Protein backbone atom coordinates (compact mmCIF):
# COMPACT_ATOMS: atom_id res chain seq x y z
CA MET A 1 -18.05 27.22 12.06
CA VAL A 2 -15.16 26.04 10.14
CA GLU A 3 -12.82 23.80 11.77
CA LYS A 4 -9.54 25.03 12.45
CA SER A 5 -6.36 23.08 10.93
CA ARG A 6 -4.20 20.85 12.84
CA PRO A 7 -1.12 22.72 12.73
CA ASN A 8 -3.15 25.78 14.04
CA ARG A 9 -4.67 23.77 16.81
CA PHE A 10 -1.28 22.79 17.74
CA THR A 11 0.31 26.39 18.00
CA GLU A 12 -2.86 27.57 20.02
CA VAL A 13 -2.12 24.58 22.53
CA LEU A 14 1.70 25.68 22.19
CA GLY A 15 0.63 29.34 23.38
CA GLU A 16 -0.48 32.78 21.94
CA ASP A 17 3.43 33.84 21.20
CA VAL A 18 3.80 30.80 19.40
CA ASP A 19 0.28 30.71 17.48
CA ASN A 20 0.78 34.62 16.38
CA ALA A 21 4.55 34.05 15.22
CA PHE A 22 3.36 30.75 12.96
CA LYS A 23 0.62 33.05 11.46
CA ARG A 24 2.92 35.75 11.02
CA LEU A 25 5.18 33.77 9.22
CA ALA A 26 2.53 32.00 6.92
CA SER A 27 1.31 35.55 6.24
CA GLU A 28 4.46 36.67 5.39
CA VAL A 29 5.71 33.57 3.45
CA LEU A 30 2.29 33.45 1.39
CA LYS A 31 2.00 37.10 0.35
CA ASP A 32 2.50 38.36 -3.14
CA GLY A 33 5.89 38.90 -4.24
CA ALA A 34 8.06 37.35 -7.14
CA LEU A 35 5.34 34.21 -7.09
CA THR A 36 1.68 35.14 -6.89
CA LEU A 37 -0.77 33.43 -3.50
CA LYS A 38 -1.94 30.91 -6.37
CA ASP A 39 1.85 29.91 -7.44
CA LYS A 40 2.60 29.40 -3.88
CA SER A 41 -0.25 27.58 -2.90
CA ILE A 42 0.08 25.08 -5.99
CA ILE A 43 3.56 24.69 -4.69
CA GLY A 44 2.17 23.89 -1.41
CA LEU A 45 0.20 21.52 -2.61
CA ALA A 46 2.75 20.00 -4.60
CA CYS A 47 4.99 19.38 -1.35
CA ALA A 48 2.00 18.27 0.54
CA VAL A 49 1.83 15.46 -1.65
CA ALA A 50 5.55 15.00 -1.94
CA VAL A 51 5.83 14.52 2.21
CA ASN A 52 2.62 12.52 1.73
CA CYS A 53 0.48 14.11 4.06
CA ASP A 54 -3.35 13.66 3.14
CA SER A 55 -4.68 16.10 5.41
CA CYS A 56 -2.30 18.43 4.29
CA VAL A 57 -2.88 17.76 0.39
CA LYS A 58 -6.61 18.57 1.21
CA ALA A 59 -6.26 22.08 2.74
CA HIS A 60 -3.57 23.21 0.32
CA LYS A 61 -6.10 21.95 -2.63
CA LYS A 62 -8.65 24.14 -1.06
CA GLN A 63 -6.41 26.68 -0.55
CA ALA A 64 -5.24 26.53 -4.26
CA GLN A 65 -8.69 26.56 -5.56
CA LYS A 66 -9.61 29.72 -3.68
CA ALA A 67 -6.59 31.10 -5.02
CA GLY A 68 -7.54 30.37 -8.58
CA ALA A 69 -5.72 27.35 -9.57
CA ASN A 70 -7.56 25.08 -11.81
CA GLU A 71 -7.98 21.23 -11.74
CA LYS A 72 -5.32 20.97 -14.43
CA GLU A 73 -2.94 22.72 -12.79
CA ILE A 74 -3.47 21.04 -9.37
CA LEU A 75 -3.18 17.72 -11.23
CA GLU A 76 0.12 18.74 -12.86
CA ALA A 77 1.54 19.97 -9.69
CA ALA A 78 0.51 16.73 -8.06
CA ALA A 79 2.29 14.63 -10.71
CA VAL A 80 5.32 16.68 -10.71
CA ALA A 81 5.53 15.89 -6.77
CA GLY A 82 4.84 12.53 -7.33
CA LEU A 83 7.57 12.19 -9.63
CA VAL A 84 10.13 13.73 -7.33
CA ARG A 85 9.20 11.46 -4.37
CA MET A 86 9.54 8.72 -7.10
CA GLY A 87 13.03 9.86 -7.78
CA SER A 88 13.86 10.23 -4.08
CA GLY A 89 12.72 6.92 -3.70
CA PHE A 90 15.13 5.66 -6.43
CA ASN A 91 17.70 7.85 -4.89
CA THR A 92 17.60 6.25 -1.60
CA ALA A 93 17.24 2.68 -3.27
CA TYR A 94 20.93 3.58 -5.20
CA ALA A 95 22.47 2.61 -1.50
CA ILE A 96 21.93 -0.97 -2.88
CA LEU A 97 24.20 -0.19 -5.64
CA ASP A 98 26.99 1.41 -3.60
CA GLU A 99 28.89 -2.13 -2.78
CA ARG A 100 29.41 -2.76 -6.40
CA GLU A 101 32.64 -2.13 -8.21
CA PRO A 102 32.81 1.30 -9.67
CA HIS A 103 31.63 1.74 -13.39
CA GLN A 104 30.24 -1.85 -13.46
CA LYS A 105 27.24 -2.16 -15.67
CA ILE A 106 24.05 -4.02 -14.83
CA ARG A 107 22.44 -5.88 -17.19
CA HIS A 108 18.81 -6.49 -16.69
CA LYS A 109 17.32 -9.04 -18.73
CA SER A 110 14.01 -7.84 -20.57
CA ILE A 111 10.97 -10.35 -19.35
CA ASN A 112 10.38 -10.36 -23.01
CA ASP A 113 14.24 -11.30 -24.19
CA ASP A 114 13.34 -14.98 -24.51
CA LEU A 115 10.26 -14.61 -26.16
CA MET A 116 11.40 -12.26 -28.61
CA LYS A 117 14.13 -14.68 -29.40
CA GLU A 118 11.56 -17.46 -29.85
CA THR A 119 9.14 -15.58 -31.90
CA GLN A 120 12.12 -14.54 -34.28
CA ARG A 121 12.72 -18.10 -34.74
CA ARG A 122 9.31 -19.11 -35.48
CA LYS A 123 8.26 -18.58 -39.01
CA ASP A 124 4.63 -17.24 -38.25
CA SER A 125 6.06 -14.53 -35.73
CA THR A 126 3.11 -15.38 -33.38
CA PRO A 127 4.19 -14.40 -29.71
CA ILE A 128 4.24 -17.07 -27.32
CA PRO A 129 1.52 -16.83 -25.06
CA ARG A 130 3.22 -16.36 -21.26
CA LYS A 131 1.85 -16.85 -17.97
CA PRO A 132 2.92 -14.32 -15.23
CA ASP A 133 5.64 -15.52 -12.78
CA GLY A 134 6.95 -14.54 -9.55
CA TYR A 135 4.79 -12.08 -7.58
CA MET A 136 2.78 -11.56 -10.65
CA ALA A 137 1.57 -15.10 -10.55
CA THR A 138 0.42 -14.50 -6.70
CA ILE A 139 -1.48 -11.56 -7.93
CA ALA A 140 -2.97 -13.42 -10.57
CA GLY A 141 -3.78 -16.02 -8.50
CA LYS A 142 -5.35 -13.65 -5.78
CA ASN A 143 -7.19 -12.07 -8.55
CA ASP A 144 -8.83 -15.71 -9.80
CA HIS A 145 -9.51 -16.48 -6.18
CA ASN A 146 -11.23 -13.16 -5.90
CA LYS A 147 -13.48 -14.09 -9.22
CA ASN A 148 -14.02 -17.34 -7.79
CA LYS A 149 -15.80 -15.71 -4.50
CA LYS A 150 -18.29 -13.55 -6.39
């Protein structure tokens, strides 16, 4: 016996009318039209990735596979969704910049700017080894600590 999805179990608890309405809506939305069931299943998978719902991703992946989607199509859809999610994060993060003057440019100094200048000054052009700093030093330190434990 296949266990029903959580959304289906929830609509059943709400009552037969709500459950039937949800199932009719899903059936109407997912039927072939300008997009095939396969296309819609891949879109559903991407949306599940974008809203960060693990159980939804699993369910939509299964449906997409049933509808004929291959692994490459599923992975590309998930990658697009991840890109959209990252972009929405950047959109939200832009609020940090709302207080600055209009058209004010921010110059971000590259980690390698000083190293490149120093390397250009050196005759042998050998890059100068650089140790991690900031949070990377913390990560590197944790990794070193974990290695010592083993």
